[in-house]
C-alpha atoms as a PDB file:
ATOM      1  CA  MET A   1      -0.003   0.000  -0.003  1.00  0.00           C
ATOM      2  CA  VAL A   2       1.216   3.500  -0.805  1.00  0.00           C
ATOM      3  CA  VAL A   3      -0.151   6.501   0.956  1.00  0.00           C
ATOM      4  CA  GLY A   4       0.807   9.854  -0.479  1.00  0.00           C
ATOM      5  CA  GLY A   5      -0.028  13.473   0.072  1.00  0.00           C
ATOM      6  CA  ILE A   6      -1.003  16.165  -2.308  1.00  0.00           C
ATOM      7  CA  ASP A   7       1.461  17.782  -4.654  1.00  0.00           C
ATOM      8  CA  THR A   8       2.284  21.372  -3.830  1.00  0.00           C
ATOM      9  CA  THR A   9       4.364  24.203  -5.222  1.00  0.00           C
ATOM     10  CA  ILE A  10       6.241  24.633  -1.959  1.00  0.00           C
ATOM     11  CA  PRO A  11       9.561  23.322  -3.412  1.00  0.00           C
ATOM     12  CA  LEU A  12       9.317  25.886  -6.239  1.00  0.00           C
ATOM     13  CA  PHE A  13       8.751  28.730  -3.821  1.00  0.00           C
ATOM     14  CA  GLN A  14      11.613  27.574  -1.636  1.00  0.00           C
ATOM     15  CA  LYS A  15      13.952  27.708  -4.660  1.00  0.00           C
ATOM     16  CA  LEU A  16      12.616  31.133  -5.690  1.00  0.00           C
ATOM     17  CA  LEU A  17      13.214  32.549  -2.244  1.00  0.00           C
ATOM     18  CA  ASN A  18      16.923  31.848  -2.731  1.00  0.00           C
ATOM     19  CA  GLU A  19      17.148  33.805  -5.988  1.00  0.00           C
ATOM     20  CA  PRO A  20      18.855  37.218  -5.700  1.00  0.00           C
ATOM     21  CA  ASP A  21      16.536  38.786  -8.287  1.00  0.00           C
ATOM     22  CA  ILE A  22      13.444  37.770  -6.276  1.00  0.00           C
ATOM     23  CA  LEU A  23      14.936  38.990  -3.018  1.00  0.00           C
ATOM     24  CA  SER A  24      15.904  42.331  -4.486  1.00  0.00           C
ATOM     25  CA  GLY A  25      12.618  42.771  -6.402  1.00  0.00           C
ATOM     26  CA  ASP A  26      14.478  42.868  -9.741  1.00  0.00           C
ATOM     27  CA  TYR A  27      12.181  40.748 -11.840  1.00  0.00           C
ATOM     28  CA  ASP A  28       9.503  41.245 -14.480  1.00  0.00           C
ATOM     29  CA  ILE A  29       6.669  39.346 -16.107  1.00  0.00           C
ATOM     30  CA  HIS A  30       9.066  37.166 -18.128  1.00  0.00           C
ATOM     31  CA  TRP A  31      11.494  36.376 -15.258  1.00  0.00           C
ATOM     32  CA  LEU A  32       9.924  33.063 -14.134  1.00  0.00           C
ATOM     33  CA  GLU A  33       9.776  31.706 -17.673  1.00  0.00           C
ATOM     34  CA  ASN A  34      13.433  32.573 -18.300  1.00  0.00           C
ATOM     35  CA  TRP A  35      14.409  31.146 -14.901  1.00  0.00           C
ATOM     36  CA  ALA A  36      12.654  27.890 -15.675  1.00  0.00           C
ATOM     37  CA  LYS A  37      14.462  27.624 -19.009  1.00  0.00           C
ATOM     38  CA  ARG A  38      17.804  28.198 -17.267  1.00  0.00           C
ATOM     39  CA  GLN A  39      16.982  25.482 -14.738  1.00  0.00           C
ATOM     40  CA  LYS A  40      16.406  23.015 -17.612  1.00  0.00           C
ATOM     41  CA  GLY A  41      19.650  24.120 -19.305  1.00  0.00           C
ATOM     42  CA  GLU A  42      17.856  25.701 -22.236  1.00  0.00           C
ATOM     43  CA  GLY A  43      19.059  29.246 -21.693  1.00  0.00           C
END
């Protein structure tokens, strides 16, 4: 038997809270998309 919880976005928010741009407020509407591409090695 496997008992699991619900999926959350908490790990994403924990990563984002370590990003200097987020902490300084230096981000725009495209920041998250570009960040995600960099995480995948696409940019």
